[in-house]
Amino acid sequence: DVFFKVNRKFIINKKAISEIIKHSSQKVELKL
């Protein structure tokens, strides 16, 4: 509920996300 493995390098705490940028339907960037 707190952590998620977003790719092979990062596991993030939900509260560490400051911004979500959707470049396309298959490319989503997270600002931490």
PDB file of all heavy atoms in Angstrom:
ATOM      1  N   ASP A   1       0.824  -1.210   0.000  1.00  0.00           N
ATOM      2  CA  ASP A   1       0.000   0.000   0.000  1.00  0.00           C
ATOM      3  C   ASP A   1       0.862   1.266   0.000  1.00  0.00           C
ATOM      4  O   ASP A   1       0.396   2.337  -0.384  1.00  0.00           O
ATOM      5  CB  ASP A   1      -0.923   0.019   1.222  1.00  0.00           C
ATOM      6  CG  ASP A   1      -1.957  -1.094   1.176  1.00  0.00           C
ATOM      7  OD1 ASP A   1      -2.373  -1.451   0.062  1.00  0.00           O
ATOM      8  OD2 ASP A   1      -2.324  -1.599   2.245  1.00  0.00           O
ATOM      9  N   VAL A   2       2.102   1.118   0.443  1.00  0.00           N
ATOM     10  CA  VAL A   2       3.000   2.271   0.577  1.00  0.00           C
ATOM     11  C   VAL A   2       4.016   2.328  -0.555  1.00  0.00           C
ATOM     12  O   VAL A   2       4.291   3.397  -1.104  1.00  0.00           O
ATOM     13  CB  VAL A   2       3.733   2.226   1.935  1.00  0.00           C
ATOM     14  CG1 VAL A   2       4.735   3.378   2.053  1.00  0.00           C
ATOM     15  CG2 VAL A   2       2.735   2.250   3.078  1.00  0.00           C
ATOM     16  N   PHE A   3       4.581   1.164  -0.924  1.00  0.00           N
ATOM     17  CA  PHE A   3       5.674   1.121  -1.890  1.00  0.00           C
ATOM     18  C   PHE A   3       5.260   0.409  -3.184  1.00  0.00           C
ATOM     19  O   PHE A   3       4.455  -0.528  -3.159  1.00  0.00           O
ATOM     20  CB  PHE A   3       6.891   0.401  -1.297  1.00  0.00           C
ATOM     21  CG  PHE A   3       7.544   1.130  -0.159  1.00  0.00           C
ATOM     22  CD1 PHE A   3       7.237   0.797   1.155  1.00  0.00           C
ATOM     23  CD2 PHE A   3       8.461   2.144  -0.391  1.00  0.00           C
ATOM     24  CE1 PHE A   3       7.841   1.455   2.222  1.00  0.00           C
ATOM     25  CE2 PHE A   3       9.071   2.810   0.658  1.00  0.00           C
ATOM     26  CZ  PHE A   3       8.763   2.472   1.973  1.00  0.00           C
ATOM     27  N   PHE A   4       5.862   0.858  -4.287  1.00  0.00           N
ATOM     28  CA  PHE A   4       5.595   0.235  -5.587  1.00  0.00           C
ATOM     29  C   PHE A   4       6.890   0.243  -6.409  1.00  0.00           C
ATOM     30  O   PHE A   4       7.606   1.252  -6.450  1.00  0.00           O
ATOM     31  CB  PHE A   4       4.509   0.998  -6.345  1.00  0.00           C
ATOM     32  CG  PHE A   4       3.984   0.275  -7.563  1.00  0.00           C
ATOM     33  CD1 PHE A   4       2.897  -0.579  -7.457  1.00  0.00           C
ATOM     34  CD2 PHE A   4       4.592   0.440  -8.802  1.00  0.00           C
ATOM     35  CE1 PHE A   4       2.415  -1.243  -8.574  1.00  0.00           C
ATOM     36  CE2 PHE A   4       4.120  -0.227  -9.918  1.00  0.00           C
ATOM     37  CZ  PHE A   4       3.024  -1.067  -9.802  1.00  0.00           C
ATOM     38  N   LYS A   5       7.171  -0.874  -7.067  1.00  0.00           N
ATOM     39  CA  LYS A   5       8.348  -0.986  -7.944  1.00  0.00           C
ATOM     40  C   LYS A   5       7.938  -0.485  -9.330  1.00  0.00           C
ATOM     41  O   LYS A   5       7.271  -1.185 -10.080  1.00  0.00           O
ATOM     42  CB  LYS A   5       8.829  -2.433  -8.003  1.00  0.00           C
ATOM     43  CG  LYS A   5      10.075  -2.659  -8.848  1.00  0.00           C
ATOM     44  CD  LYS A   5      10.554  -4.103  -8.654  1.00  0.00           C
ATOM     45  CE  LYS A   5      11.752  -4.411  -9.529  1.00  0.00           C
ATOM     46  NZ  LYS A   5      11.376  -4.614 -10.936  1.00  0.00           N
ATOM     47  N   VAL A   6       8.335   0.748  -9.665  1.00  0.00           N
ATOM     48  CA  VAL A   6       7.877   1.363 -10.904  1.00  0.00           C
ATOM     49  C   VAL A   6       8.693   0.936 -12.122  1.00  0.00           C
ATOM     50  O   VAL A   6       8.216   1.001 -13.253  1.00  0.00           O
ATOM     51  CB  VAL A   6       7.877   2.905 -10.799  1.00  0.00           C
ATOM     52  CG1 VAL A   6       6.903   3.365  -9.739  1.00  0.00           C
ATOM     53  CG2 VAL A   6       9.274   3.448 -10.526  1.00  0.00           C
ATOM     54  N   ASN A   7       9.932   0.523 -11.897  1.00  0.00           N
ATOM     55  CA  ASN A   7      10.774  -0.009 -12.973  1.00  0.00           C
ATOM     56  C   ASN A   7      11.872  -0.852 -12.332  1.00  0.00           C
ATOM     57  O   ASN A   7      11.839  -1.085 -11.117  1.00  0.00           O
ATOM     58  CB  ASN A   7      11.343   1.114 -13.863  1.00  0.00           C
ATOM     59  CG  ASN A   7      12.117   2.162 -13.080  1.00  0.00           C
ATOM     60  OD1 ASN A   7      12.869   1.836 -12.159  1.00  0.00           O
ATOM     61  ND2 ASN A   7      11.921   3.425 -13.412  1.00  0.00           N
ATOM     62  N   ARG A   8      12.841  -1.272 -13.110  1.00  0.00           N
ATOM     63  CA  ARG A   8      13.837  -2.196 -12.562  1.00  0.00           C
ATOM     64  C   ARG A   8      14.845  -1.514 -11.642  1.00  0.00           C
ATOM     65  O   ARG A   8      15.649  -2.180 -11.000  1.00  0.00           O
ATOM     66  CB  ARG A   8      14.582  -2.911 -13.697  1.00  0.00           C
ATOM     67  CG  ARG A   8      15.460  -2.029 -14.549  1.00  0.00           C
ATOM     68  CD  ARG A   8      16.058  -2.794 -15.720  1.00  0.00           C
ATOM     69  NE  ARG A   8      16.974  -1.984 -16.488  1.00  0.00           N
ATOM     70  CZ  ARG A   8      18.264  -1.843 -16.223  1.00  0.00           C
ATOM     71  NH1 ARG A   8      18.787  -2.483 -15.200  1.00  0.00           N
ATOM     72  NH2 ARG A   8      19.034  -1.090 -16.970  1.00  0.00           N
ATOM     73  N   LYS A   9      14.781  -0.179 -11.534  1.00  0.00           N
ATOM     74  CA  LYS A   9      15.722   0.540 -10.684  1.00  0.00           C
ATOM     75  C   LYS A   9      15.094   1.212  -9.471  1.00  0.00           C
ATOM     76  O   LYS A   9      15.780   1.451  -8.480  1.00  0.00           O
ATOM     77  CB  LYS A   9      16.459   1.611 -11.509  1.00  0.00           C
ATOM     78  CG  LYS A   9      17.428   1.047 -12.527  1.00  0.00           C
ATOM     79  CD  LYS A   9      18.232   2.163 -13.187  1.00  0.00           C
ATOM     80  CE  LYS A   9      19.275   1.598 -14.138  1.00  0.00           C
ATOM     81  NZ  LYS A   9      20.089   2.668 -14.760  1.00  0.00           N
ATOM     82  N   PHE A  10      13.792   1.527  -9.517  1.00  0.00           N
ATOM     83  CA  PHE A  10      13.182   2.331  -8.457  1.00  0.00           C
ATOM     84  C   PHE A  10      11.982   1.651  -7.797  1.00  0.00           C
ATOM     85  O   PHE A  10      11.092   1.140  -8.471  1.00  0.00           O
ATOM     86  CB  PHE A  10      12.715   3.680  -9.009  1.00  0.00           C
ATOM     87  CG  PHE A  10      13.796   4.727  -9.059  1.00  0.00           C
ATOM     88  CD1 PHE A  10      14.623   4.826 -10.158  1.00  0.00           C
ATOM     89  CD2 PHE A  10      13.990   5.603  -7.995  1.00  0.00           C
ATOM     90  CE1 PHE A  10      15.631   5.785 -10.217  1.00  0.00           C
ATOM     91  CE2 PHE A  10      14.986   6.563  -8.041  1.00  0.00           C
ATOM     92  CZ  PHE A  10      15.810   6.651  -9.150  1.00  0.00           C
ATOM     93  N   ILE A  11      11.987   1.670  -6.469  1.00  0.00           N
ATOM     94  CA  ILE A  11      10.816   1.360  -5.645  1.00  0.00           C
ATOM     95  C   ILE A  11      10.498   2.642  -4.894  1.00  0.00           C
ATOM     96  O   ILE A  11      11.356   3.173  -4.173  1.00  0.00           O
ATOM     97  CB  ILE A  11      11.101   0.228  -4.653  1.00  0.00           C
ATOM     98  CG1 ILE A  11      11.414  -1.077  -5.387  1.00  0.00           C
ATOM     99  CG2 ILE A  11       9.914   0.040  -3.716  1.00  0.00           C
ATOM    100  CD1 ILE A  11      11.867  -2.196  -4.466  1.00  0.00           C
ATOM    101  N   ILE A  12       9.295   3.141  -5.045  1.00  0.00           N
ATOM    102  CA  ILE A  12       8.988   4.463  -4.493  1.00  0.00           C
ATOM    103  C   ILE A  12       7.885   4.404  -3.443  1.00  0.00           C
ATOM    104  O   ILE A  12       6.996   3.570  -3.497  1.00  0.00           O
ATOM    105  CB  ILE A  12       8.566   5.457  -5.604  1.00  0.00           C
ATOM    106  CG1 ILE A  12       7.322   4.939  -6.323  1.00  0.00           C
ATOM    107  CG2 ILE A  12       9.706   5.695  -6.577  1.00  0.00           C
ATOM    108  CD1 ILE A  12       6.746   5.935  -7.306  1.00  0.00           C
ATOM    109  N   ASN A  13       7.993   5.315  -2.497  1.00  0.00           N
ATOM    110  CA  ASN A  13       6.925   5.555  -1.529  1.00  0.00           C
ATOM    111  C   ASN A  13       5.911   6.480  -2.204  1.00  0.00           C
ATOM    112  O   ASN A  13       6.285   7.467  -2.828  1.00  0.00           O
ATOM    113  CB  ASN A  13       7.504   6.220  -0.276  1.00  0.00           C
ATOM    114  CG  ASN A  13       6.485   6.379   0.835  1.00  0.00           C
ATOM    115  OD1 ASN A  13       5.303   6.618   0.601  1.00  0.00           O
ATOM    116  ND2 ASN A  13       6.960   6.258   2.068  1.00  0.00           N
ATOM    117  N   LYS A  14       4.655   6.158  -2.090  1.00  0.00           N
ATOM    118  CA  LYS A  14       3.601   6.946  -2.745  1.00  0.00           C
ATOM    119  C   LYS A  14       3.694   8.435  -2.388  1.00  0.00           C
ATOM    120  O   LYS A  14       3.467   9.309  -3.228  1.00  0.00           O
ATOM    121  CB  LYS A  14       2.234   6.384  -2.345  1.00  0.00           C
ATOM    122  CG  LYS A  14       1.062   6.984  -3.084  1.00  0.00           C
ATOM    123  CD  LYS A  14      -0.257   6.381  -2.588  1.00  0.00           C
ATOM    124  CE  LYS A  14      -0.363   4.901  -2.880  1.00  0.00           C
ATOM    125  NZ  LYS A  14      -1.680   4.352  -2.511  1.00  0.00           N
ATOM    126  N   LYS A  15       4.085   8.723  -1.151  1.00  0.00           N
ATOM    127  CA  LYS A  15       4.122  10.112  -0.700  1.00  0.00           C
ATOM    128  C   LYS A  15       5.358  10.875  -1.207  1.00  0.00           C
ATOM    129  O   LYS A  15       5.474  12.076  -0.980  1.00  0.00           O
ATOM    130  CB  LYS A  15       4.058  10.157   0.822  1.00  0.00           C
ATOM    131  CG  LYS A  15       2.715   9.675   1.359  1.00  0.00           C
ATOM    132  CD  LYS A  15       2.632   9.814   2.872  1.00  0.00           C
ATOM    133  CE  LYS A  15       1.268   9.372   3.380  1.00  0.00           C
ATOM    134  NZ  LYS A  15       1.154   9.482   4.854  1.00  0.00           N
ATOM    135  N   ALA A  16       6.267  10.163  -1.892  1.00  0.00           N
ATOM    136  CA  ALA A  16       7.456  10.827  -2.433  1.00  0.00           C
ATOM    137  C   ALA A  16       7.198  11.389  -3.828  1.00  0.00           C
ATOM    138  O   ALA A  16       8.055  12.067  -4.385  1.00  0.00           O
ATOM    139  CB  ALA A  16       8.635   9.856  -2.474  1.00  0.00           C
ATOM    140  N   ILE A  17       6.029  11.105  -4.400  1.00  0.00           N
ATOM    141  CA  ILE A  17       5.714  11.574  -5.748  1.00  0.00           C
ATOM    142  C   ILE A  17       5.196  13.009  -5.686  1.00  0.00           C
ATOM    143  O   ILE A  17       4.193  13.287  -5.026  1.00  0.00           O
ATOM    144  CB  ILE A  17       4.665  10.664  -6.413  1.00  0.00           C
ATOM    145  CG1 ILE A  17       5.178   9.230  -6.506  1.00  0.00           C
ATOM    146  CG2 ILE A  17       4.304  11.185  -7.807  1.00  0.00           C
ATOM    147  CD1 ILE A  17       4.142   8.235  -6.960  1.00  0.00           C
ATOM    148  N   SER A  18       5.874  13.909  -6.373  1.00  0.00           N
ATOM    149  CA  SER A  18       5.454  15.314  -6.380  1.00  0.00           C
ATOM    150  C   SER A  18       4.683  15.677  -7.644  1.00  0.00           C
ATOM    151  O   SER A  18       3.889  16.620  -7.645  1.00  0.00           O
ATOM    152  CB  SER A  18       6.675  16.231  -6.259  1.00  0.00           C
ATOM    153  OG  SER A  18       7.571  16.026  -7.335  1.00  0.00           O
ATOM    154  N   GLU A  19       4.897  14.907  -8.732  1.00  0.00           N
ATOM    155  CA  GLU A  19       4.236  15.236  -9.997  1.00  0.00           C
ATOM    156  C   GLU A  19       4.234  14.008 -10.908  1.00  0.00           C
ATOM    157  O   GLU A  19       5.177  13.210 -10.886  1.00  0.00           O
ATOM    158  CB  GLU A  19       4.976  16.387 -10.686  1.00  0.00           C
ATOM    159  CG  GLU A  19       4.246  17.002 -11.870  1.00  0.00           C
ATOM    160  CD  GLU A  19       4.991  18.200 -12.428  1.00  0.00           C
ATOM    161  OE1 GLU A  19       6.110  18.502 -11.962  1.00  0.00           O
ATOM    162  OE2 GLU A  19       4.456  18.845 -13.357  1.00  0.00           O
ATOM    163  N   ILE A  20       3.167  13.872 -11.694  1.00  0.00           N
ATOM    164  CA  ILE A  20       3.062  12.792 -12.686  1.00  0.00           C
ATOM    165  C   ILE A  20       2.937  13.435 -14.058  1.00  0.00           C
ATOM    166  O   ILE A  20       2.027  14.238 -14.292  1.00  0.00           O
ATOM    167  CB  ILE A  20       1.848  11.888 -12.415  1.00  0.00           C
ATOM    168  CG1 ILE A  20       1.920  11.296 -10.997  1.00  0.00           C
ATOM    169  CG2 ILE A  20       1.770  10.762 -13.448  1.00  0.00           C
ATOM    170  CD1 ILE A  20       0.673  10.549 -10.581  1.00  0.00           C
ATOM    171  N   ILE A  21       3.845  13.066 -14.961  1.00  0.00           N
ATOM    172  CA  ILE A  21       3.841  13.649 -16.306  1.00  0.00           C
ATOM    173  C   ILE A  21       3.570  12.544 -17.319  1.00  0.00           C
ATOM    174  O   ILE A  21       4.329  11.577 -17.425  1.00  0.00           O
ATOM    175  CB  ILE A  21       5.190  14.324 -16.632  1.00  0.00           C
ATOM    176  CG1 ILE A  21       5.508  15.400 -15.588  1.00  0.00           C
ATOM    177  CG2 ILE A  21       5.167  14.933 -18.032  1.00  0.00           C
ATOM    178  CD1 ILE A  21       6.881  15.990 -15.718  1.00  0.00           C
ATOM    179  N   LYS A  22       2.485  12.691 -18.062  1.00  0.00           N
ATOM    180  CA  LYS A  22       2.120  11.692 -19.069  1.00  0.00           C
ATOM    181  C   LYS A  22       2.595  12.165 -20.442  1.00  0.00           C
ATOM    182  O   LYS A  22       1.971  13.010 -21.072  1.00  0.00           O
ATOM    183  CB  LYS A  22       0.603  11.467 -19.071  1.00  0.00           C
ATOM    184  CG  LYS A  22       0.165  10.291 -19.922  1.00  0.00           C
ATOM    185  CD  LYS A  22      -1.323  10.019 -19.750  1.00  0.00           C
ATOM    186  CE  LYS A  22      -1.766   8.794 -20.545  1.00  0.00           C
ATOM    187  NZ  LYS A  22      -3.205   8.539 -20.406  1.00  0.00           N
ATOM    188  N   HIS A  23       3.710  11.630 -20.901  1.00  0.00           N
ATOM    189  CA  HIS A  23       4.242  11.992 -22.214  1.00  0.00           C
ATOM    190  C   HIS A  23       3.427  11.345 -23.332  1.00  0.00           C
ATOM    191  O   HIS A  23       3.240  11.918 -24.397  1.00  0.00           O
ATOM    192  CB  HIS A  23       5.703  11.565 -22.331  1.00  0.00           C
ATOM    193  CG  HIS A  23       6.604  12.260 -21.356  1.00  0.00           C
ATOM    194  ND1 HIS A  23       7.085  13.534 -21.551  1.00  0.00           N
ATOM    195  CD2 HIS A  23       7.106  11.853 -20.156  1.00  0.00           C
ATOM    196  CE1 HIS A  23       7.855  13.876 -20.533  1.00  0.00           C
ATOM    197  NE2 HIS A  23       7.877  12.877 -19.661  1.00  0.00           N
ATOM    198  N   SER A  24       2.959  10.106 -23.081  1.00  0.00           N
ATOM    199  CA  SER A  24       2.099   9.379 -24.016  1.00  0.00           C
ATOM    200  C   SER A  24       1.427   8.270 -23.227  1.00  0.00           C
ATOM    201  O   SER A  24       1.659   8.122 -22.022  1.00  0.00           O
ATOM    202  CB  SER A  24       2.915   8.796 -25.184  1.00  0.00           C
ATOM    203  OG  SER A  24       3.759   7.762 -24.730  1.00  0.00           O
ATOM    204  N   SER A  25       0.589   7.475 -23.901  1.00  0.00           N
ATOM    205  CA  SER A  25      -0.107   6.387 -23.194  1.00  0.00           C
ATOM    206  C   SER A  25       0.855   5.330 -22.684  1.00  0.00           C
ATOM    207  O   SER A  25       0.539   4.566 -21.772  1.00  0.00           O
ATOM    208  CB  SER A  25      -1.139   5.738 -24.122  1.00  0.00           C
ATOM    209  OG  SER A  25      -0.503   5.159 -25.252  1.00  0.00           O
ATOM    210  N   GLN A  26       2.059   5.277 -23.276  1.00  0.00           N
ATOM    211  CA  GLN A  26       3.028   4.260 -22.885  1.00  0.00           C
ATOM    212  C   GLN A  26       4.282   4.855 -22.253  1.00  0.00           C
ATOM    213  O   GLN A  26       5.279   4.161 -22.080  1.00  0.00           O
ATOM    214  CB  GLN A  26       3.421   3.416 -24.112  1.00  0.00           C
ATOM    215  CG  GLN A  26       2.245   2.664 -24.725  1.00  0.00           C
ATOM    216  CD  GLN A  26       2.661   1.841 -25.921  1.00  0.00           C
ATOM    217  OE1 GLN A  26       3.786   1.941 -26.398  1.00  0.00           O
ATOM    218  NE2 GLN A  26       1.758   1.024 -26.412  1.00  0.00           N
ATOM    219  N   LYS A  27       4.241   6.129 -21.925  1.00  0.00           N
ATOM    220  CA  LYS A  27       5.410   6.778 -21.333  1.00  0.00           C
ATOM    221  C   LYS A  27       4.959   7.762 -20.255  1.00  0.00           C
ATOM    222  O   LYS A  27       4.487   8.850 -20.548  1.00  0.00           O
ATOM    223  CB  LYS A  27       6.215   7.490 -22.421  1.00  0.00           C
ATOM    224  CG  LYS A  27       7.586   7.955 -21.964  1.00  0.00           C
ATOM    225  CD  LYS A  27       8.390   8.508 -23.138  1.00  0.00           C
ATOM    226  CE  LYS A  27       9.786   8.909 -22.705  1.00  0.00           C
ATOM    227  NZ  LYS A  27      10.584   9.456 -23.832  1.00  0.00           N
ATOM    228  N   VAL A  28       5.082   7.337 -19.009  1.00  0.00           N
ATOM    229  CA  VAL A  28       4.658   8.153 -17.874  1.00  0.00           C
ATOM    230  C   VAL A  28       5.860   8.385 -16.965  1.00  0.00           C
ATOM    231  O   VAL A  28       6.532   7.441 -16.548  1.00  0.00           O
ATOM    232  CB  VAL A  28       3.519   7.477 -17.081  1.00  0.00           C
ATOM    233  CG1 VAL A  28       3.113   8.330 -15.883  1.00  0.00           C
ATOM    234  CG2 VAL A  28       2.310   7.221 -17.988  1.00  0.00           C
ATOM    235  N   GLU A  29       6.123   9.645 -16.655  1.00  0.00           N
ATOM    236  CA  GLU A  29       7.270  10.026 -15.833  1.00  0.00           C
ATOM    237  C   GLU A  29       6.800  10.473 -14.452  1.00  0.00           C
ATOM    238  O   GLU A  29       5.760  11.116 -14.313  1.00  0.00           O
ATOM    239  CB  GLU A  29       8.047  11.160 -16.510  1.00  0.00           C
ATOM    240  CG  GLU A  29       9.295  11.592 -15.752  1.00  0.00           C
ATOM    241  CD  GLU A  29      10.038  12.711 -16.451  1.00  0.00           C
ATOM    242  OE1 GLU A  29       9.536  13.199 -17.491  1.00  0.00           O
ATOM    243  OE2 GLU A  29      11.107  13.123 -15.946  1.00  0.00           O
ATOM    244  N   LEU A  30       7.582  10.113 -13.450  1.00  0.00           N
ATOM    245  CA  LEU A  30       7.286  10.522 -12.081  1.00  0.00           C
ATOM    246  C   LEU A  30       8.353  11.496 -11.598  1.00  0.00           C
ATOM    247  O   LEU A  30       9.547  11.240 -11.732  1.00  0.00           O
ATOM    248  CB  LEU A  30       7.255   9.309 -11.151  1.00  0.00           C
ATOM    249  CG  LEU A  30       6.216   8.223 -11.447  1.00  0.00           C
ATOM    250  CD1 LEU A  30       6.387   7.073 -10.478  1.00  0.00           C
ATOM    251  CD2 LEU A  30       4.804   8.782 -11.392  1.00  0.00           C
ATOM    252  N   LYS A  31       7.917  12.623 -11.055  1.00  0.00           N
ATOM    253  CA  LYS A  31       8.812  13.551 -10.387  1.00  0.00           C
ATOM    254  C   LYS A  31       8.771  13.233  -8.894  1.00  0.00           C
ATOM    255  O   LYS A  31       7.689  13.149  -8.302  1.00  0.00           O
ATOM    256  CB  LYS A  31       8.393  14.996 -10.634  1.00  0.00           C
ATOM    257  CG  LYS A  31       8.493  15.429 -12.091  1.00  0.00           C
ATOM    258  CD  LYS A  31       9.945  15.484 -12.558  1.00  0.00           C
ATOM    259  CE  LYS A  31      10.043  16.030 -13.968  1.00  0.00           C
ATOM    260  NZ  LYS A  31      11.454  16.065 -14.445  1.00  0.00           N
ATOM    261  N   LEU A  32       9.940  13.046  -8.311  1.00  0.00           N
ATOM    262  CA  LEU A  32      10.016  12.641  -6.919  1.00  0.00           C
ATOM    263  C   LEU A  32      10.610  13.756  -6.057  1.00  0.00           C
ATOM    264  O   LEU A  32      11.368  14.597  -6.534  1.00  0.00           O
ATOM    265  CB  LEU A  32      10.882  11.383  -6.778  1.00  0.00           C
ATOM    266  CG  LEU A  32      10.486  10.170  -7.628  1.00  0.00           C
ATOM    267  CD1 LEU A  32      11.445   9.020  -7.355  1.00  0.00           C
ATOM    268  CD2 LEU A  32       9.049   9.750  -7.355  1.00  0.00           C
TER     269      LEU A  32
END
